[in-house]
Protein backbone atom coordinates (compact mmCIF):
# COMPACT_ATOMS: atom_id res chain seq x y z
CA MET A 1 -1.08 32.04 3.02
CA HIS A 2 -1.60 29.37 5.64
CA PRO A 3 1.50 28.36 7.59
CA PHE A 4 2.49 24.74 7.08
CA ALA A 5 1.33 23.87 10.61
CA SER A 6 -2.14 25.27 9.89
CA TYR A 7 -2.28 23.30 6.64
CA VAL A 8 -1.48 20.08 8.51
CA LEU A 9 -4.06 20.88 11.20
CA ARG A 10 -6.76 21.42 8.56
CA SER A 11 -5.74 18.17 6.88
CA TYR A 12 -6.09 16.44 10.25
CA TYR A 13 -9.62 17.81 10.67
CA LYS A 14 -10.42 16.66 7.14
CA ALA A 15 -9.08 13.15 7.76
CA THR A 16 -10.97 12.76 11.04
CA GLY A 17 -14.20 14.30 9.72
CA TRP A 18 -14.30 17.27 12.11
CA ASN A 19 -16.05 20.40 10.82
CA GLU A 20 -14.08 23.41 12.05
CA ASP A 21 -16.43 25.78 10.20
CA ASN A 22 -19.35 24.98 12.50
CA LEU A 23 -17.95 27.20 15.26
CA TYR A 24 -19.09 30.59 16.52
CA ALA A 25 -15.49 31.81 16.32
CA ASN A 26 -15.64 31.26 12.52
CA LEU A 27 -19.00 32.99 12.03
CA THR A 28 -17.45 35.81 9.97
CA ARG A 29 -14.77 33.68 8.34
CA SER A 30 -15.94 34.33 4.77
CA SER A 31 -15.79 38.13 5.01
CA ASN A 32 -12.61 38.13 7.12
CA ALA A 33 -10.79 36.29 4.34
CA ILE A 34 -11.23 39.35 2.10
CA LEU A 35 -11.36 42.24 4.59
CA ASP A 36 -8.83 41.10 7.22
CA PHE A 37 -6.13 39.29 5.26
CA THR A 38 -2.67 39.41 6.79
CA VAL A 39 0.05 41.13 4.78
CA PRO A 40 3.55 39.70 5.37
CA ARG A 41 5.94 42.00 7.22
CA GLY A 42 9.59 41.98 6.25
CA LEU A 43 11.30 39.00 4.61
CA HIS A 44 10.18 35.56 5.70
CA PHE A 45 11.23 32.07 4.57
CA SER A 46 9.89 28.67 5.64
CA VAL A 47 10.89 25.11 4.70
CA SER A 48 8.95 22.02 5.76
CA LYS A 49 9.37 18.30 5.27
CA SER A 50 7.13 15.24 5.62
CA PRO A 51 9.41 12.20 6.06
CA ASN A 52 6.34 9.97 6.44
CA SER A 53 2.56 10.23 6.71
CA ILE A 54 2.46 10.83 10.50
CA PHE A 55 5.52 12.99 11.26
CA ARG A 56 6.50 16.40 9.89
CA THR A 57 9.07 19.11 10.54
CA THR A 58 8.99 22.80 9.72
CA TYR A 59 11.65 25.51 9.85
CA SER A 60 11.20 29.25 9.39
CA MET A 61 13.44 32.31 9.33
CA THR A 62 12.67 36.03 9.32
CA ALA A 63 15.51 38.08 7.84
CA MET A 64 13.95 41.53 8.09
CA PRO A 65 13.43 43.74 10.03
CA SER A 66 15.24 41.56 12.62
CA LEU A 67 16.80 38.13 12.41
CA SER A 68 14.81 35.37 14.08
CA GLY A 69 13.71 31.82 13.43
CA SER A 70 11.78 28.82 14.69
CA VAL A 71 11.76 25.02 14.57
CA GLY A 72 8.54 23.02 14.71
CA TYR A 73 7.48 19.37 14.86
CA ILE A 74 4.07 17.80 14.15
CA PHE A 75 2.97 14.25 14.92
CA THR A 76 -0.44 12.71 14.17
CA SER A 77 -1.97 9.36 15.03
CA CYS A 78 -3.54 8.94 11.58
CA ASP A 79 -2.10 9.12 8.09
CA LEU A 80 -2.57 12.48 6.39
CA ASN A 81 -2.50 13.17 2.69
CA VAL A 82 -0.23 16.23 2.89
CA LYS A 83 1.02 17.24 -0.52
CA SER A 84 4.10 19.19 -1.58
CA SER A 85 4.04 22.93 -2.21
CA GLY A 86 4.41 22.25 -5.94
CA ASN A 87 1.26 20.15 -6.33
CA VAL A 88 -0.98 21.10 -3.40
CA PRO A 89 -4.29 22.67 -4.50
CA PHE A 90 -3.60 26.37 -4.31
CA LYS A 91 -6.95 27.18 -2.69
CA ASP A 92 -6.15 24.86 0.21
CA MET A 93 -3.30 27.18 1.22
CA ILE A 94 -5.25 30.44 1.08
CA GLU A 95 -7.78 31.94 3.45
CA ARG A 96 -10.54 32.80 0.99
CA PHE A 97 -14.21 33.48 0.53
CA LYS A 98 -16.19 30.27 0.52
CA VAL A 99 -19.76 29.16 1.05
CA TYR A 100 -19.22 26.39 3.55
CA ASP A 101 -21.04 23.08 3.55
CA GLN A 102 -24.21 22.49 5.47
CA PRO A 103 -23.45 21.33 9.02
CA ARG A 104 -23.74 17.61 9.61
CA ARG A 105 -23.26 15.45 12.65
CA PRO A 106 -19.69 14.08 12.90
CA GLU A 107 -19.40 10.38 12.30
CA ALA A 108 -17.78 7.90 14.62
CA LYS A 109 -14.45 6.35 13.73
CA GLU A 110 -14.66 2.91 12.18
CA GLU A 111 -14.06 0.23 14.77
CA GLU A 112 -11.11 -2.13 14.37
CA TRP A 113 -11.10 -5.56 16.00
CA LEU A 114 -8.33 -8.09 16.39
CA ALA A 115 -8.83 -11.48 18.04
CA GLY A 116 -12.05 -10.30 19.65
CA GLU A 117 -10.48 -7.14 21.09
CA ARG A 118 -10.98 -3.59 19.90
CA THR A 119 -7.66 -2.18 18.69
CA ASP A 120 -8.57 1.24 17.29
CA THR A 121 -7.41 4.28 19.29
CA ARG A 122 -8.42 7.90 19.55
CA ASP A 123 -7.07 10.25 16.92
CA TYR A 124 -4.75 13.00 18.14
CA LEU A 125 -2.31 15.64 16.92
CA LEU A 126 0.81 16.92 18.69
CA TYR A 127 2.52 20.15 17.68
CA GLY A 128 5.47 22.04 19.14
CA ARG A 129 7.47 25.06 18.00
CA PHE A 130 10.60 26.61 19.49
CA TYR A 131 11.52 30.23 18.64
CA LEU A 132 15.05 31.61 18.44
CA PRO A 133 16.59 33.69 19.95
CA THR A 134 13.66 34.51 22.29
CA GLY A 135 13.35 30.97 23.68
CA ARG A 136 9.57 30.96 23.41
CA LEU A 137 7.91 27.53 23.20
CA ASP A 138 4.44 26.85 21.77
CA ALA A 139 2.63 23.53 22.11
CA LEU A 140 -0.73 22.16 20.96
CA TYR A 141 -2.50 18.89 21.67
CA SER A 142 -5.78 18.02 19.93
CA THR A 143 -7.73 14.79 20.35
CA ARG A 144 -11.18 13.37 19.61
CA VAL A 145 -12.72 12.28 22.90
CA SER A 146 -15.89 11.01 21.21
CA PRO A 147 -17.49 11.31 17.75
CA THR A 148 -19.06 14.66 18.72
CA LEU A 149 -16.49 15.88 21.27
CA GLN A 150 -13.02 17.30 20.64
CA MET A 151 -10.53 18.69 23.14
CA MET A 152 -7.62 21.03 22.51
CA VAL A 153 -4.88 22.08 24.94
CA ALA A 154 -2.58 24.96 23.94
CA ALA A 155 0.40 26.18 25.96
CA ILE A 156 2.88 29.05 25.67
CA SER A 157 6.14 29.25 27.60
CA ASP A 158 7.80 32.64 27.19
CA PRO A 159 10.79 33.59 29.39
CA PRO A 160 10.44 37.10 30.88
CA SER A 161 13.80 38.20 29.51
CA ALA A 162 12.80 37.41 25.94
CA VAL A 163 10.38 40.33 25.59
CA SER A 164 11.21 44.01 25.95
CA PRO A 165 9.40 45.94 28.72
CA ASP A 166 7.59 48.22 26.26
CA ILE A 167 6.00 45.20 24.53
CA ARG A 168 5.28 43.26 27.71
CA GLY A 169 3.58 46.17 29.50
CA ARG A 170 2.09 45.35 32.87
CA LYS A 171 2.10 41.61 32.23
CA GLN A 172 5.29 40.20 33.68
CA ASP A 173 4.69 36.67 32.40
CA LEU A 174 3.28 35.85 28.99
CA SER A 175 3.17 32.11 29.63
CA ASN A 176 -0.28 30.61 29.49
CA VAL A 177 -2.25 27.37 29.21
CA MET A 178 -5.63 27.26 27.49
CA VAL A 179 -8.10 24.38 27.33
CA ASN A 180 -10.85 24.28 24.70
CA ILE A 181 -13.61 21.67 24.44
CA GLN A 182 -15.81 21.58 21.34
CA HIS A 183 -19.11 19.72 21.22
CA ASP A 184 -20.58 19.48 17.72
CA VAL A 185 -23.80 17.63 16.91
CA GLY A 186 -24.43 19.39 13.59
CA LYS A 187 -27.51 21.36 14.62
CA TRP A 188 -25.70 22.79 17.62
CA CYS A 189 -22.05 23.45 18.34
CA THR A 190 -20.80 24.53 21.76
CA GLU A 191 -17.31 25.57 22.87
CA TYR A 192 -16.03 25.72 26.45
CA THR A 193 -12.78 27.58 27.10
CA TRP A 194 -10.57 28.05 30.14
CA SER A 195 -7.43 30.21 30.29
CA ALA A 196 -4.98 29.90 33.18
CA GLU A 197 -3.24 33.27 32.76
CA ASP A 198 -6.28 35.43 33.55
CA GLN A 199 -8.50 32.65 34.95
CA MET A 200 -11.01 33.22 32.17
CA TRP A 201 -14.00 30.97 31.63
CA GLY A 202 -15.95 31.20 28.39
CA VAL A 203 -18.71 29.47 26.47
CA ARG A 204 -19.70 29.88 22.82
CA MET A 205 -22.80 28.50 21.12
CA LEU A 206 -23.91 28.29 17.50
CA HIS A 207 -27.30 27.06 16.32
CA ASN A 208 -28.06 26.24 12.68
CA PHE A 209 -31.64 26.55 11.50
CA GLY A 210 -33.00 24.26 8.83
CA LYS A 211 -32.11 20.68 8.04
CA LEU A 212 -28.74 19.03 8.35
CA GLY A 213 -26.63 18.01 5.38
CA LEU A 214 -26.20 14.54 3.97
CA SER A 215 -24.17 11.91 5.74
CA SER A 216 -22.09 9.38 3.86
CA GLU A 217 -24.59 6.60 4.62
CA VAL A 218 -27.44 8.30 2.76
CA VAL A 219 -25.54 9.63 -0.25
CA ASP A 220 -26.08 6.42 -2.19
CA ASP A 221 -29.84 6.79 -1.72
CA SER A 222 -29.99 10.34 -3.14
CA THR A 223 -30.45 9.13 -6.70
CA SER A 224 -33.29 6.74 -5.87
CA SER A 225 -34.96 9.41 -3.76
CA ARG A 226 -34.99 11.80 -6.68
CA ARG A 227 -36.43 9.12 -8.95
CA ARG A 228 -39.29 8.59 -6.48
CA GLY A 229 -39.92 12.32 -6.37
CA LEU A 230 -38.74 12.67 -2.79
CA LYS A 231 -36.97 15.75 -1.49
CA ARG A 232 -33.28 15.60 -0.65
CA VAL A 233 -32.39 16.47 2.93
CA ASP A 234 -30.19 19.34 1.81
CA GLU A 235 -32.98 20.94 -0.25
CA GLU A 236 -35.04 23.79 1.17
CA ASP A 237 -37.94 25.75 -0.20
CA ALA A 238 -36.89 28.73 -2.27
CA VAL A 239 -38.01 32.15 -1.06
CA GLU A 240 -39.75 33.99 -3.83
CA GLY A 241 -37.99 37.21 -4.70
CA GLY A 242 -35.00 36.51 -2.49
CA LEU A 243 -32.01 34.27 -1.88
CA LYS A 244 -32.31 30.64 -0.89
CA GLY A 245 -30.16 29.80 2.08
CA ARG A 246 -29.80 28.98 5.75
CA VAL A 247 -29.46 31.00 8.96
CA SER A 248 -27.09 30.46 11.89
CA VAL A 249 -27.31 32.30 15.22
CA GLY A 250 -24.68 32.26 17.95
CA ALA A 251 -23.47 33.96 21.12
CA GLU A 252 -20.52 33.95 23.50
CA LEU A 253 -20.14 34.70 27.21
CA TYR A 254 -16.87 34.90 29.10
CA PHE A 255 -15.79 35.88 32.62
CA SER A 256 -12.31 36.60 34.01
CA ALA A 257 -11.94 35.87 37.72
CA LYS A 258 -8.55 37.59 37.86
CA GLU A 259 -9.64 40.81 36.16
CA ARG A 260 -13.19 40.61 37.56
CA SER A 261 -14.64 41.48 34.19
CA ALA A 262 -17.06 39.84 31.80
CA GLY A 263 -18.06 40.09 28.17
CA VAL A 264 -20.83 38.98 25.87
CA SER A 265 -21.53 39.11 22.14
CA THR A 266 -24.05 37.70 19.70
CA GLY A 267 -24.09 37.20 15.95
CA ILE A 268 -26.18 36.00 13.05
CA ARG A 269 -25.17 34.67 9.63
CA PHE A 270 -27.10 34.05 6.44
CA THR A 271 -25.45 32.05 3.70
CA THR A 272 -26.77 30.74 0.42
CA LEU A 273 -27.05 27.03 -0.16
CA PRO A 274 -24.83 25.43 -2.80
CA ASP A 275 -26.79 23.89 -5.65
CA ALA A 276 -25.01 20.58 -5.10
CA THR A 277 -23.31 19.35 -1.95
CA PRO A 278 -20.43 17.64 -3.83
CA PRO A 279 -17.52 18.14 -4.25
CA SER A 280 -17.45 18.55 -0.49
CA PHE A 281 -14.81 16.32 1.08
CA GLN A 282 -17.34 15.34 3.75
CA VAL A 283 -19.75 13.76 1.25
CA PRO A 284 -18.30 11.35 -1.35
CA VAL A 285 -19.82 11.34 -4.82
CA PRO A 286 -20.95 7.83 -5.84
CA SER A 287 -20.02 6.70 -9.33
CA SER A 288 -23.69 6.17 -10.21
CA SER A 289 -24.79 9.59 -9.00
CA PRO A 290 -25.88 12.08 -11.68
CA LEU A 291 -24.64 14.95 -9.55
CA GLN A 292 -21.74 16.70 -11.21
CA PRO A 293 -19.18 18.73 -9.22
CA ARG A 294 -19.46 21.57 -11.70
CA SER A 295 -23.02 22.78 -12.17
CA THR A 296 -24.79 25.98 -13.09
CA PRO A 297 -25.72 27.91 -9.94
CA SER A 298 -29.12 29.57 -9.70
CA GLN A 299 -27.91 32.26 -7.30
CA PRO A 300 -24.59 33.95 -6.50
CA PRO A 301 -22.76 32.49 -3.48
CA THR A 302 -23.47 35.05 -0.73
CA THR A 303 -22.79 35.43 2.99
CA ILE A 304 -24.32 38.11 5.23
CA THR A 305 -23.22 38.47 8.87
CA ALA A 306 -24.01 40.80 11.77
CA LEU A 307 -22.31 41.02 15.18
CA PHE A 308 -23.32 42.95 18.29
CA ASN A 309 -21.42 43.46 21.55
CA PRO A 310 -23.83 45.16 23.99
CA MET A 311 -21.20 45.89 26.65
CA LEU A 312 -18.84 47.67 24.26
CA GLY A 313 -21.63 49.00 22.06
CA HIS A 314 -20.01 47.66 18.91
CA ILE A 315 -22.10 46.72 15.88
CA SER A 316 -20.67 45.15 12.72
CA GLY A 317 -22.38 44.07 9.51
CA ALA A 318 -20.75 42.47 6.47
CA TYR A 319 -21.96 41.47 3.00
CA THR A 320 -19.84 39.17 0.82
CA ALA A 321 -20.65 37.62 -2.54
CA ARG A 322 -18.94 36.01 -5.51
CA VAL A 323 -20.05 38.10 -8.46
CA SER A 324 -18.24 36.02 -11.08
CA GLN A 325 -16.22 32.83 -11.26
CA ASP A 326 -13.01 34.57 -10.23
CA LEU A 327 -14.16 37.74 -8.42
CA ALA A 328 -15.56 38.06 -4.90
CA LEU A 329 -16.45 41.39 -3.27
CA SER A 330 -17.03 42.22 0.39
CA SER A 331 -18.13 45.26 2.36
CA ARG A 332 -18.32 45.78 6.13
CA PHE A 333 -19.60 48.62 8.30
CA ASP A 334 -18.53 48.97 11.95
CA PHE A 335 -20.26 51.34 14.34
CA ASN A 336 -20.07 52.10 18.06
CA VAL A 337 -23.27 53.29 19.71
CA TYR A 338 -21.39 54.92 22.61
CA SER A 339 -18.73 56.92 20.78
CA PHE A 340 -20.47 57.16 17.37
CA GLU A 341 -17.21 56.10 15.74
CA SER A 342 -17.63 54.21 12.49
CA GLU A 343 -15.53 52.57 9.80
CA TRP A 344 -16.41 51.31 6.33
CA THR A 345 -14.18 48.65 4.81
CA MET A 346 -14.29 47.32 1.24
CA GLY A 347 -12.34 44.44 -0.25
CA ALA A 348 -11.97 42.29 -3.35
CA GLU A 349 -10.53 38.87 -4.18
CA TRP A 350 -9.50 38.15 -7.77
CA TRP A 351 -8.30 34.69 -8.79
CA LEU A 352 -5.63 34.25 -11.48
CA ARG A 353 -5.75 31.21 -13.73
CA ARG A 354 -3.63 29.43 -16.29
CA PRO A 355 -4.64 26.93 -18.99
CA THR A 356 -4.12 23.27 -18.16
CA GLY A 357 -4.72 20.05 -20.01
CA SER A 358 -5.15 17.94 -16.90
CA SER A 359 -8.60 17.57 -15.40
CA LEU A 360 -7.04 16.81 -12.02
CA GLU A 361 -5.53 20.27 -11.83
CA SER A 362 -8.66 22.10 -12.88
CA ASP A 363 -10.64 23.98 -10.24
CA SER A 364 -13.62 21.69 -9.63
CA GLU A 365 -14.95 23.64 -6.66
CA THR A 366 -15.97 26.86 -8.36
CA PRO A 367 -19.25 26.29 -10.18
CA VAL A 368 -19.53 27.17 -13.84
CA LEU A 369 -21.52 30.32 -14.44
CA GLN A 370 -24.23 30.63 -17.02
CA ASN A 371 -23.22 31.35 -20.61
CA GLN A 372 -19.59 30.56 -19.80
CA PRO A 373 -17.50 29.33 -22.74
CA PRO A 374 -16.63 25.63 -22.43
CA ASN A 375 -12.90 26.18 -22.92
CA THR A 376 -12.69 28.28 -19.73
CA GLN A 377 -13.36 25.17 -17.63
CA GLN A 378 -9.91 23.70 -18.32
CA THR A 379 -8.06 26.17 -16.14
CA ALA A 380 -6.23 25.95 -12.85
CA VAL A 381 -5.83 28.59 -10.17
CA ASN A 382 -2.23 29.71 -9.78
CA GLY A 383 -2.60 32.99 -7.90
CA VAL A 384 -4.88 35.47 -6.20
CA VAL A 385 -4.86 39.24 -5.76
CA LYS A 386 -6.50 40.75 -2.68
CA ALA A 387 -7.20 44.43 -2.08
CA ARG A 388 -8.64 46.22 0.92
CA ALA A 389 -9.49 49.88 1.60
CA SER A 390 -11.22 51.57 4.52
CA THR A 391 -12.33 55.02 5.61
CA ASN A 392 -9.37 55.29 7.99
CA ASN A 393 -7.16 55.82 4.89
CA ASP A 394 -5.53 52.39 5.07
CA VAL A 395 -5.08 50.58 1.76
CA SER A 396 -3.67 47.04 1.52
CA LEU A 397 -2.71 45.05 -1.55
CA MET A 398 -1.40 41.49 -1.64
CA TRP A 399 -0.54 38.93 -4.31
CA GLU A 400 -0.21 35.24 -3.55
CA GLY A 401 0.86 32.70 -6.10
CA ARG A 402 3.04 29.76 -7.00
CA LEU A 403 6.48 30.08 -8.57
CA LYS A 404 7.87 26.71 -9.63
CA ASN A 405 7.53 24.59 -6.48
CA MET A 406 7.33 27.50 -4.04
CA LEU A 407 4.40 29.45 -2.64
CA VAL A 408 5.00 33.20 -2.61
CA SER A 409 3.14 36.03 -0.90
CA LEU A 410 3.92 39.72 -1.56
CA GLY A 411 2.01 42.58 0.03
CA VAL A 412 2.05 46.24 0.95
CA VAL A 413 0.10 48.36 3.45
CA SER A 414 -0.12 52.12 2.89
CA ASP A 415 -1.55 55.10 4.73
CA LEU A 416 -2.97 57.68 2.35
CA SER A 417 -3.20 60.34 5.07
CA SER A 418 0.55 60.35 5.81
CA ARG A 419 2.85 62.17 3.42
CA ALA A 420 5.94 61.50 5.51
CA LYS A 421 5.46 57.72 5.61
CA PRO A 422 2.90 56.57 3.03
CA ILE A 423 4.15 52.94 3.17
CA LYS A 424 3.40 51.39 6.55
CA ALA A 425 4.52 47.84 5.80
CA LEU A 426 6.05 45.85 2.96
CA GLY A 427 6.76 42.15 3.02
CA LEU A 428 7.65 39.02 1.10
CA GLU A 429 7.00 35.45 2.26
CA VAL A 430 8.32 32.32 0.55
CA ALA A 431 7.27 28.81 1.59
CA TYR A 432 8.46 25.41 0.39
CA PHE A 433 7.45 22.01 1.73
CA SER A 434 7.90 18.51 0.45
CA SER A 435 6.19 15.19 1.13
CA GLU A 436 8.82 13.00 -0.53
């Protein structure tokens, strides 16, 4: 599950209208949610509190295999609608398969004027976490420089005595400062990164083919456009005999002045188009619009990705699709052209539901499949089971759900080739946070 700090950061992006999915770093995010989920290790507890809408605190403790803990603080310039662990939408706390919205140009913040002077300020987020007993300190600062430009500064301060020599290796100082600038115009998204520890400079680019999605200004005109027979901007011609979707192509290039090394990679992603843009949080649904959040899809939500690193000779291809309302399957094949080493990974994501009489709790994001009984719509997601297996004999199984007002994650990692130690890792994570 997402840590509380990640949940607040995503809520901040949502409140400010920034699309974190339109990044090259998140090109394979849909398949990674099923094939690379993180199983908790040991026994972990976390408690968080939101005294008001702009300030939050979070505390965590790991009881096994060793005793450690951390204290974190988060401050934002804008009010965030952060819910409690008992009523937060369960899917907002889980990294999961999802067909993401069409990219759209970020909108400028509404101007505020007082006595002829502009009083609105730039949005920002401040985050800090202190770890005990190591003494490590993490910090993050994120701000919107302009409607299409965002800057992030991350820092790590780790005393040399806090890490054992076998873990530290040749690096005597793990402290680092990293600056990341993101420029998103919808069609294009570019990232510029600089790292102080190894003097690394990097650039990432992602280009989306096709038309951009709807902006909030033109949503109200979608109904009249349909009545006049005009084509919506998020509609594209269907390909006969194939899937209807969009293509994104990206690449990254980085160079380390300290190590005198460089790297490059490129990737491509095909994803199907949702039949209706709502209920995306980026596009409000007008009361007069005939678009319904739950509609019958004409094609299964699918994402296909391919990555290639020419310097390392690594090729990776993944295929992920939701085959039913509650089941998503994914498969990935990795191959190295230099060593001829390969790995095949398969994974599944199965959502658990419970009946509910409240329409607010029902899952309005998952579209209703054809020939689905009407009574199955009044259900709410209360858990998910993820499974992963690969040709290297590793098998992982994890359950995440809600017990009372707590979010619980239980997982196990096993090695089928080892008779002496078939269980590699076993863990339980419990999280509770309150907004009252």
